[in-house]
Amino acid sequence: MAGNREVSLLAKVDTGALSCIFQREHAEALELDVESGEPQRFVTATGAFATYGHTVRLSSCDFDLDSMVYFAR
């Protein structure tokens, strides 16, 4: 899991989604080495893109969840 860095941001929550994908800038704000994460390619209706997964703690409304999230390459 990431160190003790904390970043506040607005995000849309899709309770049916299988994965969380964030912009690379958020990983950099957490001082994560993006490319050291688990590589994962996502395919959408408009194309494909590469990401790297890292375990981070997501917090919202007094709820904390350690989760694998993906940051765009």
C-alpha atoms as a PDB file:
ATOM      1  CA  MET A   1       0.000   0.000   0.000  1.00  0.00           C
ATOM      2  CA  ALA A   2       1.079   3.589  -0.564  1.00  0.00           C
ATOM      3  CA  GLY A   3       2.885   5.520   2.172  1.00  0.00           C
ATOM      4  CA  ASN A   4       1.227   8.095   4.368  1.00  0.00           C
ATOM      5  CA  ARG A   5       0.578  10.664   1.638  1.00  0.00           C
ATOM      6  CA  GLU A   6      -2.963  11.984   1.381  1.00  0.00           C
ATOM      7  CA  VAL A   7      -4.608  13.608  -1.629  1.00  0.00           C
ATOM      8  CA  SER A   8      -8.127  15.034  -1.684  1.00  0.00           C
ATOM      9  CA  LEU A   9     -10.026  14.875  -4.961  1.00  0.00           C
ATOM     10  CA  LEU A  10     -13.506  14.650  -6.398  1.00  0.00           C
ATOM     11  CA  ALA A  11     -14.387  11.331  -8.001  1.00  0.00           C
ATOM     12  CA  LYS A  12     -17.491   9.736  -9.429  1.00  0.00           C
ATOM     13  CA  VAL A  13     -18.475   6.508  -7.717  1.00  0.00           C
ATOM     14  CA  ASP A  14     -19.856   3.654  -9.806  1.00  0.00           C
ATOM     15  CA  THR A  15     -20.879   0.953  -7.359  1.00  0.00           C
ATOM     16  CA  GLY A  16     -21.095  -1.580 -10.197  1.00  0.00           C
ATOM     17  CA  ALA A  17     -17.631  -0.924 -11.611  1.00  0.00           C
ATOM     18  CA  LEU A  18     -15.009  -3.653 -11.448  1.00  0.00           C
ATOM     19  CA  SER A  19     -12.069  -1.220 -11.316  1.00  0.00           C
ATOM     20  CA  CYS A  20     -11.190   2.311 -10.210  1.00  0.00           C
ATOM     21  CA  ILE A  21      -9.137   4.349 -12.674  1.00  0.00           C
ATOM     22  CA  PHE A  22      -7.562   7.688 -11.809  1.00  0.00           C
ATOM     23  CA  GLN A  23      -5.476  10.210 -13.709  1.00  0.00           C
ATOM     24  CA  ARG A  24      -1.707   9.833 -13.484  1.00  0.00           C
ATOM     25  CA  GLU A  25      -1.459  13.216 -11.723  1.00  0.00           C
ATOM     26  CA  HIS A  26      -3.134  11.708  -8.654  1.00  0.00           C
ATOM     27  CA  ALA A  27      -0.486   8.964  -8.425  1.00  0.00           C
ATOM     28  CA  GLU A  28       2.235  11.568  -8.759  1.00  0.00           C
ATOM     29  CA  ALA A  29       0.641  13.626  -5.959  1.00  0.00           C
ATOM     30  CA  LEU A  30       0.829  10.462  -3.821  1.00  0.00           C
ATOM     31  CA  GLU A  31       4.498  10.147  -4.841  1.00  0.00           C
ATOM     32  CA  LEU A  32       3.885   6.735  -6.407  1.00  0.00           C
ATOM     33  CA  ASP A  33       6.174   5.383  -9.128  1.00  0.00           C
ATOM     34  CA  VAL A  34       3.326   4.733 -11.574  1.00  0.00           C
ATOM     35  CA  GLU A  35       5.145   2.239 -13.809  1.00  0.00           C
ATOM     36  CA  SER A  36       6.199   0.085 -10.832  1.00  0.00           C
ATOM     37  CA  GLY A  37       2.563  -0.968 -10.392  1.00  0.00           C
ATOM     38  CA  GLU A  38       0.708  -3.941 -11.832  1.00  0.00           C
ATOM     39  CA  PRO A  39       0.193  -3.358 -15.585  1.00  0.00           C
ATOM     40  CA  GLN A  40      -3.398  -3.551 -16.808  1.00  0.00           C
ATOM     41  CA  ARG A  41      -4.850  -2.644 -20.208  1.00  0.00           C
ATOM     42  CA  PHE A  42      -8.433  -1.380 -20.407  1.00  0.00           C
ATOM     43  CA  VAL A  43     -10.569  -1.377 -23.554  1.00  0.00           C
ATOM     44  CA  THR A  44     -13.492   1.019 -24.010  1.00  0.00           C
ATOM     45  CA  ALA A  45     -15.851   1.823 -26.868  1.00  0.00           C
ATOM     46  CA  THR A  46     -13.484   4.632 -27.942  1.00  0.00           C
ATOM     47  CA  GLY A  47     -10.182   2.758 -27.661  1.00  0.00           C
ATOM     48  CA  ALA A  48      -7.703   1.085 -25.339  1.00  0.00           C
ATOM     49  CA  PHE A  49      -5.283   2.494 -22.784  1.00  0.00           C
ATOM     50  CA  ALA A  50      -2.600   1.260 -20.404  1.00  0.00           C
ATOM     51  CA  THR A  51      -2.688   1.653 -16.629  1.00  0.00           C
ATOM     52  CA  TYR A  52      -0.710   0.522 -13.593  1.00  0.00           C
ATOM     53  CA  GLY A  53      -2.348  -0.764 -10.415  1.00  0.00           C
ATOM     54  CA  HIS A  54      -1.392   0.244  -6.875  1.00  0.00           C
ATOM     55  CA  THR A  55      -3.029  -0.571  -3.556  1.00  0.00           C
ATOM     56  CA  VAL A  56      -4.201   2.616  -1.850  1.00  0.00           C
ATOM     57  CA  ARG A  57      -6.679   3.546   0.870  1.00  0.00           C
ATOM     58  CA  LEU A  58      -9.835   5.247  -0.412  1.00  0.00           C
ATOM     59  CA  SER A  59     -11.778   7.310   2.128  1.00  0.00           C
ATOM     60  CA  SER A  60     -15.210   8.873   1.830  1.00  0.00           C
ATOM     61  CA  CYS A  61     -17.937   9.750   4.346  1.00  0.00           C
ATOM     62  CA  ASP A  62     -16.045   8.195   7.288  1.00  0.00           C
ATOM     63  CA  PHE A  63     -15.585   4.967   5.300  1.00  0.00           C
ATOM     64  CA  ASP A  64     -12.091   3.604   4.480  1.00  0.00           C
ATOM     65  CA  LEU A  65     -11.303   0.900   1.934  1.00  0.00           C
ATOM     66  CA  ASP A  66      -7.899  -0.485   0.935  1.00  0.00           C
ATOM     67  CA  SER A  67      -8.212  -1.201  -2.761  1.00  0.00           C
ATOM     68  CA  MET A  68      -6.233  -1.858  -5.936  1.00  0.00           C
ATOM     69  CA  VAL A  69      -6.753   1.197  -8.136  1.00  0.00           C
ATOM     70  CA  TYR A  70      -5.299   1.959 -11.542  1.00  0.00           C
ATOM     71  CA  PHE A  71      -3.526   5.069 -12.741  1.00  0.00           C
ATOM     72  CA  ALA A  72      -3.276   5.963 -16.419  1.00  0.00           C
ATOM     73  CA  ARG A  73       0.137   5.558 -18.001  1.00  0.00           C
END
